[in-house]
Amino acid sequence: MKFYEKFPQLKEKDFLAQILTNTVFSTMALENQHVSELKVHEIVLSLLNEQELKGNQFFSNQMI
């Protein structure tokens, strides 16, 4: 079974952005690095948008 077949929701940009935001924010909090969750979310979205513009296959509207 392929990765995206097992976890199809990861092809949804909003879901992926939220998972990445939560993971990065939690990890930074555990390391005593205080950054607002909103700032982390903005950074995650900008990185996802950058990858999308480069044509990397992240989302369901692209072929896998």
PDB file of N, CA and C in Angstrom:
ATOM      1  N   MET A   1       0.846  -1.179   0.000  1.00  0.00           N
ATOM      2  CA  MET A   1       0.000   0.000   0.000  1.00  0.00           C
ATOM      3  C   MET A   1       0.892   1.244   0.000  1.00  0.00           C
ATOM      4  N   LYS A   2       0.578   2.169  -0.895  1.00  0.00           N
ATOM      5  CA  LYS A   2       1.352   3.399  -0.990  1.00  0.00           C
ATOM      6  C   LYS A   2       0.998   4.339   0.157  1.00  0.00           C
ATOM      7  N   PHE A   3       1.922   5.222   0.462  1.00  0.00           N
ATOM      8  CA  PHE A   3       1.758   6.152   1.582  1.00  0.00           C
ATOM      9  C   PHE A   3       0.479   6.973   1.463  1.00  0.00           C
ATOM     10  N   TYR A   4       0.242   7.562   0.280  1.00  0.00           N
ATOM     11  CA  TYR A   4      -0.941   8.407   0.103  1.00  0.00           C
ATOM     12  C   TYR A   4      -2.235   7.598   0.053  1.00  0.00           C
ATOM     13  N   GLU A   5      -2.150   6.300  -0.227  1.00  0.00           N
ATOM     14  CA  GLU A   5      -3.338   5.451  -0.157  1.00  0.00           C
ATOM     15  C   GLU A   5      -3.709   5.197   1.295  1.00  0.00           C
ATOM     16  N   LYS A   6      -2.700   5.075   2.132  1.00  0.00           N
ATOM     17  CA  LYS A   6      -2.939   4.827   3.551  1.00  0.00           C
ATOM     18  C   LYS A   6      -3.399   6.095   4.268  1.00  0.00           C
ATOM     19  N   PHE A   7      -2.881   7.246   3.865  1.00  0.00           N
ATOM     20  CA  PHE A   7      -3.210   8.520   4.502  1.00  0.00           C
ATOM     21  C   PHE A   7      -3.653   9.543   3.449  1.00  0.00           C
ATOM     22  N   PRO A   8      -4.821   9.364   2.835  1.00  0.00           N
ATOM     23  CA  PRO A   8      -5.245  10.255   1.745  1.00  0.00           C
ATOM     24  C   PRO A   8      -5.470  11.701   2.184  1.00  0.00           C
ATOM     25  N   GLN A   9      -5.785  11.918   3.457  1.00  0.00           N
ATOM     26  CA  GLN A   9      -6.028  13.284   3.928  1.00  0.00           C
ATOM     27  C   GLN A   9      -4.768  14.143   3.884  1.00  0.00           C
ATOM     28  N   LEU A  10      -3.592  13.530   3.784  1.00  0.00           N
ATOM     29  CA  LEU A  10      -2.352  14.303   3.693  1.00  0.00           C
ATOM     30  C   LEU A  10      -2.210  15.008   2.349  1.00  0.00           C
ATOM     31  N   LYS A  11      -3.047  14.659   1.384  1.00  0.00           N
ATOM     32  CA  LYS A  11      -3.029  15.344   0.091  1.00  0.00           C
ATOM     33  C   LYS A  11      -3.818  16.648   0.138  1.00  0.00           C
ATOM     34  N   GLU A  12      -4.544  16.880   1.246  1.00  0.00           N
ATOM     35  CA  GLU A  12      -5.324  18.103   1.407  1.00  0.00           C
ATOM     36  C   GLU A  12      -4.438  19.167   2.051  1.00  0.00           C
ATOM     37  N   LYS A  13      -4.287  20.279   1.366  1.00  0.00           N
ATOM     38  CA  LYS A  13      -3.370  21.328   1.808  1.00  0.00           C
ATOM     39  C   LYS A  13      -3.703  21.840   3.212  1.00  0.00           C
ATOM     40  N   ASP A  14      -4.974  22.080   3.494  1.00  0.00           N
ATOM     41  CA  ASP A  14      -5.362  22.610   4.805  1.00  0.00           C
ATOM     42  C   ASP A  14      -5.029  21.634   5.926  1.00  0.00           C
ATOM     43  N   PHE A  15      -5.312  20.356   5.685  1.00  0.00           N
ATOM     44  CA  PHE A  15      -5.020  19.341   6.693  1.00  0.00           C
ATOM     45  C   PHE A  15      -3.517  19.234   6.935  1.00  0.00           C
ATOM     46  N   LEU A  16      -2.755  19.187   5.860  1.00  0.00           N
ATOM     47  CA  LEU A  16      -1.303  19.084   5.970  1.00  0.00           C
ATOM     48  C   LEU A  16      -0.718  20.298   6.687  1.00  0.00           C
ATOM     49  N   ALA A  17      -1.212  21.483   6.356  1.00  0.00           N
ATOM     50  CA  ALA A  17      -0.728  22.704   6.998  1.00  0.00           C
ATOM     51  C   ALA A  17      -1.006  22.677   8.494  1.00  0.00           C
ATOM     52  N   GLN A  18      -2.185  22.197   8.885  1.00  0.00           N
ATOM     53  CA  GLN A  18      -2.526  22.154  10.311  1.00  0.00           C
ATOM     54  C   GLN A  18      -1.658  21.145  11.055  1.00  0.00           C
ATOM     55  N   ILE A  19      -1.444  19.985  10.465  1.00  0.00           N
ATOM     56  CA  ILE A  19      -0.590  18.964  11.095  1.00  0.00           C
ATOM     57  C   ILE A  19       0.836  19.492  11.261  1.00  0.00           C
ATOM     58  N   LEU A  20       1.374  20.099  10.212  1.00  0.00           N
ATOM     59  CA  LEU A  20       2.734  20.641  10.288  1.00  0.00           C
ATOM     60  C   LEU A  20       2.830  21.769  11.310  1.00  0.00           C
ATOM     61  N   THR A  21       1.826  22.640  11.335  1.00  0.00           N
ATOM     62  CA  THR A  21       1.817  23.740  12.298  1.00  0.00           C
ATOM     63  C   THR A  21       1.817  23.206  13.721  1.00  0.00           C
ATOM     64  N   ASN A  22       0.941  22.261  14.008  1.00  0.00           N
ATOM     65  CA  ASN A  22       0.863  21.693  15.358  1.00  0.00           C
ATOM     66  C   ASN A  22       2.164  21.005  15.756  1.00  0.00           C
ATOM     67  N   THR A  23       2.748  20.272  14.828  1.00  0.00           N
ATOM     68  CA  THR A  23       3.986  19.546  15.117  1.00  0.00           C
ATOM     69  C   THR A  23       5.142  20.503  15.394  1.00  0.00           C
ATOM     70  N   VAL A  24       5.317  21.496  14.532  1.00  0.00           N
ATOM     71  CA  VAL A  24       6.413  22.453  14.702  1.00  0.00           C
ATOM     72  C   VAL A  24       6.212  23.276  15.971  1.00  0.00           C
ATOM     73  N   PHE A  25       4.988  23.765  16.192  1.00  0.00           N
ATOM     74  CA  PHE A  25       4.706  24.572  17.377  1.00  0.00           C
ATOM     75  C   PHE A  25       4.971  23.777  18.657  1.00  0.00           C
ATOM     76  N   SER A  26       4.506  22.535  18.704  1.00  0.00           N
ATOM     77  CA  SER A  26       4.702  21.687  19.884  1.00  0.00           C
ATOM     78  C   SER A  26       6.172  21.387  20.127  1.00  0.00           C
ATOM     79  N   THR A  27       6.891  21.081  19.065  1.00  0.00           N
ATOM     80  CA  THR A  27       8.320  20.789  19.195  1.00  0.00           C
ATOM     81  C   THR A  27       9.084  22.005  19.702  1.00  0.00           C
ATOM     82  N   MET A  28       8.758  23.168  19.165  1.00  0.00           N
ATOM     83  CA  MET A  28       9.432  24.391  19.611  1.00  0.00           C
ATOM     84  C   MET A  28       9.099  24.694  21.067  1.00  0.00           C
ATOM     85  N   ALA A  29       7.862  24.455  21.481  1.00  0.00           N
ATOM     86  CA  ALA A  29       7.473  24.683  22.874  1.00  0.00           C
ATOM     87  C   ALA A  29       8.236  23.742  23.803  1.00  0.00           C
ATOM     88  N   LEU A  30       8.409  22.492  23.391  1.00  0.00           N
ATOM     89  CA  LEU A  30       9.170  21.539  24.201  1.00  0.00           C
ATOM     90  C   LEU A  30      10.631  21.955  24.349  1.00  0.00           C
ATOM     91  N   GLU A  31      11.140  22.665  23.353  1.00  0.00           N
ATOM     92  CA  GLU A  31      12.527  23.132  23.382  1.00  0.00           C
ATOM     93  C   GLU A  31      12.645  24.546  23.949  1.00  0.00           C
ATOM     94  N   ASN A  32      11.568  25.023  24.602  1.00  0.00           N
ATOM     95  CA  ASN A  32      11.548  26.357  25.217  1.00  0.00           C
ATOM     96  C   ASN A  32      11.776  27.482  24.212  1.00  0.00           C
ATOM     97  N   GLN A  33      11.329  27.301  22.994  1.00  0.00           N
ATOM     98  CA  GLN A  33      11.406  28.340  21.973  1.00  0.00           C
ATOM     99  C   GLN A  33       9.998  28.894  21.796  1.00  0.00           C
ATOM    100  N   HIS A  34       9.804  30.112  22.247  1.00  0.00           N
ATOM    101  CA  HIS A  34       8.467  30.696  22.270  1.00  0.00           C
ATOM    102  C   HIS A  34       8.189  31.485  20.994  1.00  0.00           C
ATOM    103  N   VAL A  35       7.376  30.902  20.140  1.00  0.00           N
ATOM    104  CA  VAL A  35       6.932  31.533  18.900  1.00  0.00           C
ATOM    105  C   VAL A  35       5.419  31.338  18.850  1.00  0.00           C
ATOM    106  N   SER A  36       4.701  32.366  18.422  1.00  0.00           N
ATOM    107  CA  SER A  36       3.242  32.237  18.385  1.00  0.00           C
ATOM    108  C   SER A  36       2.829  31.198  17.345  1.00  0.00           C
ATOM    109  N   GLU A  37       1.734  30.524  17.638  1.00  0.00           N
ATOM    110  CA  GLU A  37       1.238  29.510  16.711  1.00  0.00           C
ATOM    111  C   GLU A  37       0.835  30.147  15.382  1.00  0.00           C
ATOM    112  N   LEU A  38       0.344  31.372  15.434  1.00  0.00           N
ATOM    113  CA  LEU A  38      -0.023  32.084  14.207  1.00  0.00           C
ATOM    114  C   LEU A  38       1.201  32.299  13.315  1.00  0.00           C
ATOM    115  N   LYS A  39       2.335  32.674  13.913  1.00  0.00           N
ATOM    116  CA  LYS A  39       3.568  32.888  13.147  1.00  0.00           C
ATOM    117  C   LYS A  39       4.043  31.574  12.516  1.00  0.00           C
ATOM    118  N   VAL A  40       3.987  30.493  13.286  1.00  0.00           N
ATOM    119  CA  VAL A  40       4.380  29.180  12.762  1.00  0.00           C
ATOM    120  C   VAL A  40       3.474  28.803  11.591  1.00  0.00           C
ATOM    121  N   HIS A  41       2.171  29.041  11.738  1.00  0.00           N
ATOM    122  CA  HIS A  41       1.215  28.718  10.675  1.00  0.00           C
ATOM    123  C   HIS A  41       1.516  29.521   9.403  1.00  0.00           C
ATOM    124  N   GLU A  42       1.846  30.795   9.562  1.00  0.00           N
ATOM    125  CA  GLU A  42       2.192  31.633   8.407  1.00  0.00           C
ATOM    126  C   GLU A  42       3.426  31.095   7.685  1.00  0.00           C
ATOM    127  N   ILE A  43       4.422  30.679   8.453  1.00  0.00           N
ATOM    128  CA  ILE A  43       5.654  30.133   7.866  1.00  0.00           C
ATOM    129  C   ILE A  43       5.362  28.828   7.126  1.00  0.00           C
ATOM    130  N   VAL A  44       4.579  27.955   7.750  1.00  0.00           N
ATOM    131  CA  VAL A  44       4.220  26.676   7.125  1.00  0.00           C
ATOM    132  C   VAL A  44       3.485  26.917   5.811  1.00  0.00           C
ATOM    133  N   LEU A  45       2.518  27.826   5.823  1.00  0.00           N
ATOM    134  CA  LEU A  45       1.772  28.121   4.591  1.00  0.00           C
ATOM    135  C   LEU A  45       2.673  28.686   3.503  1.00  0.00           C
ATOM    136  N   SER A  46       3.604  29.552   3.891  1.00  0.00           N
ATOM    137  CA  SER A  46       4.499  30.123   2.882  1.00  0.00           C
ATOM    138  C   SER A  46       5.399  29.045   2.276  1.00  0.00           C
ATOM    139  N   LEU A  47       5.870  28.114   3.098  1.00  0.00           N
ATOM    140  CA  LEU A  47       6.705  27.025   2.582  1.00  0.00           C
ATOM    141  C   LEU A  47       5.906  26.080   1.681  1.00  0.00           C
ATOM    142  N   LEU A  48       4.674  25.778   2.068  1.00  0.00           N
ATOM    143  CA  LEU A  48       3.836  24.924   1.225  1.00  0.00           C
ATOM    144  C   LEU A  48       3.525  25.603  -0.102  1.00  0.00           C
ATOM    145  N   ASN A  49       3.236  26.898  -0.050  1.00  0.00           N
ATOM    146  CA  ASN A  49       2.965  27.641  -1.288  1.00  0.00           C
ATOM    147  C   ASN A  49       4.191  27.680  -2.187  1.00  0.00           C
ATOM    148  N   GLU A  50       5.360  27.844  -1.585  1.00  0.00           N
ATOM    149  CA  GLU A  50       6.607  27.854  -2.357  1.00  0.00           C
ATOM    150  C   GLU A  50       6.817  26.515  -3.062  1.00  0.00           C
ATOM    151  N   GLN A  51       6.584  25.422  -2.338  1.00  0.00           N
ATOM    152  CA  GLN A  51       6.742  24.095  -2.934  1.00  0.00           C
ATOM    153  C   GLN A  51       5.713  23.860  -4.034  1.00  0.00           C
ATOM    154  N   GLU A  52       4.506  24.369  -3.822  1.00  0.00           N
ATOM    155  CA  GLU A  52       3.451  24.220  -4.824  1.00  0.00           C
ATOM    156  C   GLU A  52       3.818  24.964  -6.112  1.00  0.00           C
ATOM    157  N   LEU A  53       4.402  26.149  -5.969  1.00  0.00           N
ATOM    158  CA  LEU A  53       4.819  26.924  -7.137  1.00  0.00           C
ATOM    159  C   LEU A  53       5.953  26.248  -7.899  1.00  0.00           C
ATOM    160  N   LYS A  54       6.803  25.529  -7.176  1.00  0.00           N
ATOM    161  CA  LYS A  54       7.906  24.811  -7.810  1.00  0.00           C
ATOM    162  C   LYS A  54       7.418  23.568  -8.545  1.00  0.00           C
ATOM    163  N   GLY A  55       6.160  23.207  -8.319  1.00  0.00           N
ATOM    164  CA  GLY A  55       5.597  22.052  -9.010  1.00  0.00           C
ATOM    165  C   GLY A  55       5.759  20.745  -8.271  1.00  0.00           C
ATOM    166  N   ASN A  56       6.197  20.796  -7.027  1.00  0.00           N
ATOM    167  CA  ASN A  56       6.311  19.555  -6.260  1.00  0.00           C
ATOM    168  C   ASN A  56       4.922  19.007  -5.958  1.00  0.00           C
ATOM    169  N   GLN A  57       4.799  17.713  -5.927  1.00  0.00           N
ATOM    170  CA  GLN A  57       3.497  17.068  -5.786  1.00  0.00           C
ATOM    171  C   GLN A  57       3.121  16.904  -4.321  1.00  0.00           C
ATOM    172  N   PHE A  58       2.308  17.822  -3.835  1.00  0.00           N
ATOM    173  CA  PHE A  58       1.826  17.725  -2.462  1.00  0.00           C
ATOM    174  C   PHE A  58       0.335  17.459  -2.371  1.00  0.00           C
ATOM    175  N   PHE A  59      -0.422  17.941  -3.341  1.00  0.00           N
ATOM    176  CA  PHE A  59      -1.855  18.011  -3.135  1.00  0.00           C
ATOM    177  C   PHE A  59      -2.631  17.195  -4.152  1.00  0.00           C
ATOM    178  N   SER A  60      -3.893  16.930  -3.822  1.00  0.00           N
ATOM    179  CA  SER A  60      -4.715  15.998  -4.585  1.00  0.00           C
ATOM    180  C   SER A  60      -4.995  16.444  -6.017  1.00  0.00           C
ATOM    181  N   ASN A  61      -4.860  17.727  -6.329  1.00  0.00           N
ATOM    182  CA  ASN A  61      -5.113  18.165  -7.696  1.00  0.00           C
ATOM    183  C   ASN A  61      -3.918  17.899  -8.609  1.00  0.00           C
ATOM    184  N   GLN A  62      -2.891  17.286  -8.072  1.00  0.00           N
ATOM    185  CA  GLN A  62      -1.710  16.946  -8.856  1.00  0.00           C
ATOM    186  C   GLN A  62      -1.597  15.430  -8.939  1.00  0.00           C
ATOM    187  N   MET A  63      -0.980  14.949  -9.993  1.00  0.00           N
ATOM    188  CA  MET A  63      -0.818  13.508 -10.161  1.00  0.00           C
ATOM    189  C   MET A  63       0.232  12.977  -9.204  1.00  0.00           C
ATOM    190  N   ILE A  64      -0.018  11.782  -8.722  1.00  0.00           N
ATOM    191  CA  ILE A  64       0.931  11.132  -7.807  1.00  0.00           C
ATOM    192  C   ILE A  64       1.475   9.897  -8.475  1.00  0.00           C
TER     193      ILE A  64
END
